Amino acid sequence: MEPSLFIGDLVFVKKNTQGKLPKVNDLVVIVPPLSFSKDKTIMIKRVSSLGNHTFAVKSDNVLEGTDSRIFGSLTNEDLIGRVKFIRKTYPS
């Protein structure tokens, strides 16, 4: 599958202030669990499934991406926000 985002694309994010879980297929900005990433890396991933107060994400690049298959399910504490708009930038 072709990536949804490329270097230089602008991503507009609505911060998660209401504590709601995202919907399946939403693009979300997350901080993976500390057990996976000690440096507070942020990631943009697609929500693949919902559980009871948890959700799983998958990479659009399934063969090479890092997602819930590696670091497990996430909670609202891991969710920064939802991607609302992507402005594509094209090389000149």
N, C-alpha and C. Protein backbone atom coordinates (compact mmCIF):
# COMPACT_ATOMS: atom_id res chain seq x y z
N MET A 1 0.84 -1.17 0.00
CA MET A 1 0.00 0.00 0.00
C MET A 1 0.88 1.23 0.00
N GLU A 2 0.52 2.23 -0.76
CA GLU A 2 1.29 3.47 -0.83
C GLU A 2 1.08 4.29 0.44
N PRO A 3 2.14 4.93 0.95
CA PRO A 3 1.99 5.74 2.16
C PRO A 3 1.01 6.90 1.97
N SER A 4 0.32 7.27 3.05
CA SER A 4 -0.60 8.40 3.02
C SER A 4 0.13 9.72 3.15
N LEU A 5 1.29 9.70 3.78
CA LEU A 5 2.05 10.92 4.05
C LEU A 5 3.45 10.82 3.48
N PHE A 6 3.95 11.96 3.06
CA PHE A 6 5.30 12.06 2.54
C PHE A 6 6.03 13.19 3.25
N ILE A 7 7.34 13.17 3.25
CA ILE A 7 8.13 14.24 3.84
C ILE A 7 7.71 15.56 3.21
N GLY A 8 7.42 16.55 4.04
CA GLY A 8 7.01 17.87 3.57
C GLY A 8 5.51 18.10 3.62
N ASP A 9 4.71 17.03 3.70
CA ASP A 9 3.26 17.20 3.83
C ASP A 9 2.95 17.89 5.16
N LEU A 10 1.95 18.77 5.14
CA LEU A 10 1.52 19.44 6.36
C LEU A 10 0.32 18.71 6.94
N VAL A 11 0.37 18.42 8.21
CA VAL A 11 -0.69 17.65 8.87
C VAL A 11 -1.33 18.53 9.94
N PHE A 12 -2.65 18.70 9.84
CA PHE A 12 -3.40 19.48 10.82
C PHE A 12 -4.09 18.51 11.76
N VAL A 13 -3.87 18.71 13.05
CA VAL A 13 -4.33 17.75 14.06
C VAL A 13 -5.26 18.45 15.05
N LYS A 14 -6.37 17.77 15.37
CA LYS A 14 -7.26 18.25 16.43
C LYS A 14 -6.86 17.52 17.70
N LYS A 15 -6.43 18.29 18.69
CA LYS A 15 -5.96 17.72 19.95
C LYS A 15 -7.09 16.97 20.64
N ASN A 16 -6.74 15.87 21.26
CA ASN A 16 -7.72 15.04 21.96
C ASN A 16 -7.96 15.62 23.36
N THR A 17 -8.97 16.50 23.46
CA THR A 17 -9.25 17.14 24.75
C THR A 17 -10.49 16.56 25.41
N GLN A 18 -11.30 15.82 24.68
CA GLN A 18 -12.55 15.31 25.24
C GLN A 18 -12.42 13.87 25.75
N GLY A 19 -11.28 13.24 25.53
CA GLY A 19 -11.06 11.90 26.05
C GLY A 19 -11.81 10.80 25.31
N LYS A 20 -12.29 11.09 24.10
CA LYS A 20 -13.00 10.07 23.32
C LYS A 20 -12.01 9.20 22.56
N LEU A 21 -12.37 7.94 22.41
CA LEU A 21 -11.56 7.05 21.58
C LEU A 21 -11.78 7.42 20.12
N PRO A 22 -10.76 7.25 19.29
CA PRO A 22 -10.93 7.51 17.86
C PRO A 22 -11.80 6.42 17.23
N LYS A 23 -12.15 6.64 15.96
CA LYS A 23 -12.93 5.66 15.21
C LYS A 23 -12.00 4.83 14.33
N VAL A 24 -12.45 3.65 13.96
CA VAL A 24 -11.68 2.80 13.05
C VAL A 24 -11.45 3.57 11.75
N ASN A 25 -10.25 3.50 11.22
CA ASN A 25 -9.75 4.15 10.01
C ASN A 25 -9.35 5.61 10.21
N ASP A 26 -9.54 6.18 11.40
CA ASP A 26 -9.04 7.53 11.68
C ASP A 26 -7.52 7.51 11.63
N LEU A 27 -6.93 8.59 11.11
CA LEU A 27 -5.49 8.80 11.25
C LEU A 27 -5.30 9.53 12.57
N VAL A 28 -4.40 9.01 13.41
CA VAL A 28 -4.18 9.60 14.73
C VAL A 28 -2.70 9.86 14.97
N VAL A 29 -2.45 10.82 15.84
CA VAL A 29 -1.09 11.11 16.28
C VAL A 29 -0.97 10.51 17.67
N ILE A 30 0.03 9.65 17.85
CA ILE A 30 0.19 8.93 19.11
C ILE A 30 1.61 9.04 19.64
N VAL A 31 1.72 8.79 20.92
CA VAL A 31 3.02 8.56 21.56
C VAL A 31 3.01 7.09 21.94
N PRO A 32 3.86 6.27 21.33
CA PRO A 32 3.85 4.85 21.67
C PRO A 32 4.23 4.64 23.12
N PRO A 33 3.86 3.51 23.71
CA PRO A 33 4.18 3.23 25.11
C PRO A 33 5.67 3.35 25.40
N LEU A 34 5.99 3.80 26.62
CA LEU A 34 7.40 3.99 27.00
C LEU A 34 8.20 2.70 26.92
N SER A 35 7.53 1.57 27.05
CA SER A 35 8.26 0.31 26.95
C SER A 35 8.81 0.11 25.54
N PHE A 36 8.22 0.79 24.56
CA PHE A 36 8.69 0.68 23.18
C PHE A 36 9.66 1.80 22.83
N SER A 37 9.31 3.01 23.20
CA SER A 37 10.11 4.17 22.80
C SER A 37 10.39 5.05 24.00
N LYS A 38 11.63 5.14 24.40
CA LYS A 38 12.01 5.92 25.58
C LYS A 38 12.16 7.41 25.28
N ASP A 39 12.16 7.81 24.00
CA ASP A 39 12.44 9.20 23.66
C ASP A 39 11.21 10.01 23.28
N LYS A 40 10.01 9.53 23.61
CA LYS A 40 8.76 10.26 23.35
C LYS A 40 8.57 10.56 21.86
N THR A 41 8.94 9.63 21.01
CA THR A 41 8.70 9.75 19.58
C THR A 41 7.21 9.84 19.33
N ILE A 42 6.80 10.69 18.39
CA ILE A 42 5.39 10.70 18.01
C ILE A 42 5.25 10.01 16.66
N MET A 43 4.10 9.39 16.46
CA MET A 43 3.83 8.65 15.23
C MET A 43 2.44 8.99 14.73
N ILE A 44 2.27 8.90 13.43
CA ILE A 44 0.94 9.03 12.82
C ILE A 44 0.59 7.66 12.27
N LYS A 45 -0.53 7.12 12.77
CA LYS A 45 -0.95 5.77 12.41
C LYS A 45 -2.45 5.75 12.16
N ARG A 46 -2.93 4.66 11.55
CA ARG A 46 -4.35 4.48 11.27
C ARG A 46 -4.94 3.52 12.31
N VAL A 47 -6.11 3.89 12.86
CA VAL A 47 -6.77 3.05 13.85
C VAL A 47 -7.33 1.82 13.15
N SER A 48 -6.99 0.64 13.67
CA SER A 48 -7.42 -0.60 13.02
C SER A 48 -8.54 -1.31 13.79
N SER A 49 -8.58 -1.13 15.10
CA SER A 49 -9.65 -1.77 15.88
C SER A 49 -9.82 -1.06 17.21
N LEU A 50 -11.00 -1.25 17.78
CA LEU A 50 -11.33 -0.65 19.07
C LEU A 50 -11.62 -1.75 20.07
N GLY A 51 -11.20 -1.53 21.31
CA GLY A 51 -11.51 -2.44 22.39
C GLY A 51 -12.24 -1.68 23.49
N ASN A 52 -12.29 -2.24 24.66
CA ASN A 52 -12.91 -1.59 25.80
C ASN A 52 -11.89 -0.61 26.40
N HIS A 53 -11.99 0.67 26.07
CA HIS A 53 -11.10 1.74 26.52
C HIS A 53 -9.71 1.65 25.89
N THR A 54 -9.54 0.87 24.84
CA THR A 54 -8.26 0.78 24.14
C THR A 54 -8.51 0.78 22.64
N PHE A 55 -7.44 1.00 21.89
CA PHE A 55 -7.52 0.90 20.44
C PHE A 55 -6.19 0.41 19.91
N ALA A 56 -6.23 -0.16 18.72
CA ALA A 56 -5.02 -0.65 18.06
C ALA A 56 -4.81 0.17 16.80
N VAL A 57 -3.56 0.34 16.42
CA VAL A 57 -3.22 1.09 15.21
C VAL A 57 -2.41 0.21 14.28
N LYS A 58 -2.47 0.55 13.00
CA LYS A 58 -1.64 -0.15 12.02
C LYS A 58 -0.97 0.88 11.14
N SER A 59 0.12 0.49 10.59
CA SER A 59 0.85 1.33 9.66
C SER A 59 0.27 1.13 8.27
N ASP A 60 0.22 2.20 7.47
CA ASP A 60 -0.20 2.04 6.08
C ASP A 60 0.81 1.19 5.31
N ASN A 61 2.05 1.20 5.78
CA ASN A 61 3.09 0.37 5.19
C ASN A 61 3.20 -0.89 6.04
N VAL A 62 2.32 -1.85 5.79
CA VAL A 62 2.18 -3.03 6.65
C VAL A 62 3.47 -3.85 6.71
N LEU A 63 4.21 -3.93 5.63
CA LEU A 63 5.41 -4.77 5.61
C LEU A 63 6.56 -4.20 6.42
N GLU A 64 6.68 -2.87 6.47
CA GLU A 64 7.83 -2.26 7.13
C GLU A 64 7.48 -1.36 8.30
N GLY A 65 6.20 -1.09 8.53
CA GLY A 65 5.80 -0.14 9.56
C GLY A 65 5.83 -0.71 10.96
N THR A 66 5.84 0.18 11.92
CA THR A 66 5.78 -0.16 13.34
C THR A 66 4.40 0.22 13.84
N ASP A 67 3.72 -0.71 14.47
CA ASP A 67 2.35 -0.45 14.90
C ASP A 67 1.99 -1.33 16.09
N SER A 68 0.69 -1.50 16.35
CA SER A 68 0.25 -2.26 17.53
C SER A 68 0.69 -3.71 17.51
N ARG A 69 1.07 -4.23 16.36
CA ARG A 69 1.62 -5.60 16.33
C ARG A 69 2.92 -5.66 17.12
N ILE A 70 3.62 -4.53 17.21
CA ILE A 70 4.90 -4.45 17.91
C ILE A 70 4.70 -3.97 19.35
N PHE A 71 3.95 -2.87 19.56
CA PHE A 71 3.87 -2.28 20.89
C PHE A 71 2.53 -2.46 21.59
N GLY A 72 1.59 -3.17 20.99
CA GLY A 72 0.33 -3.48 21.66
C GLY A 72 -0.72 -2.39 21.54
N SER A 73 -1.82 -2.59 22.26
CA SER A 73 -2.94 -1.65 22.23
C SER A 73 -2.58 -0.36 22.94
N LEU A 74 -3.32 0.70 22.60
CA LEU A 74 -3.10 2.02 23.16
C LEU A 74 -4.33 2.49 23.93
N THR A 75 -4.14 3.50 24.78
CA THR A 75 -5.25 4.11 25.50
C THR A 75 -5.29 5.60 25.15
N ASN A 76 -6.27 6.31 25.70
CA ASN A 76 -6.36 7.75 25.45
C ASN A 76 -5.13 8.50 25.92
N GLU A 77 -4.43 7.95 26.90
CA GLU A 77 -3.21 8.61 27.38
C GLU A 77 -2.12 8.63 26.31
N ASP A 78 -2.19 7.71 25.37
CA ASP A 78 -1.21 7.64 24.27
C ASP A 78 -1.62 8.48 23.07
N LEU A 79 -2.86 8.98 23.07
CA LEU A 79 -3.42 9.69 21.92
C LEU A 79 -3.19 11.19 22.06
N ILE A 80 -2.50 11.79 21.10
CA ILE A 80 -2.32 13.24 21.08
C ILE A 80 -3.52 13.88 20.39
N GLY A 81 -3.94 13.33 19.26
CA GLY A 81 -5.08 13.89 18.55
C GLY A 81 -5.36 13.16 17.26
N ARG A 82 -6.38 13.67 16.54
CA ARG A 82 -6.79 13.08 15.26
C ARG A 82 -6.38 13.99 14.12
N VAL A 83 -5.94 13.37 13.04
CA VAL A 83 -5.58 14.15 11.84
C VAL A 83 -6.89 14.61 11.20
N LYS A 84 -7.00 15.92 11.00
CA LYS A 84 -8.20 16.48 10.41
C LYS A 84 -8.01 16.84 8.93
N PHE A 85 -6.78 17.16 8.56
CA PHE A 85 -6.53 17.61 7.19
C PHE A 85 -5.06 17.39 6.86
N ILE A 86 -4.80 16.98 5.63
CA ILE A 86 -3.43 16.83 5.15
C ILE A 86 -3.27 17.72 3.92
N ARG A 87 -2.29 18.61 3.96
CA ARG A 87 -1.99 19.45 2.80
C ARG A 87 -0.76 18.86 2.13
N LYS A 88 -1.00 18.32 0.95
CA LYS A 88 0.09 17.71 0.21
C LYS A 88 1.03 18.77 -0.33
N THR A 89 2.31 18.51 -0.23
CA THR A 89 3.31 19.39 -0.84
C THR A 89 3.99 18.58 -1.93
N TYR A 90 4.22 19.21 -3.01
CA TYR A 90 4.82 18.54 -4.16
C TYR A 90 6.13 19.19 -4.49
N PRO A 91 7.14 18.40 -4.87
CA PRO A 91 8.42 19.00 -5.23
C PRO A 91 8.27 19.90 -6.46
N SER A 92 9.03 21.00 -6.43
CA SER A 92 8.93 21.92 -7.57
C SER A 92 9.88 21.57 -8.68
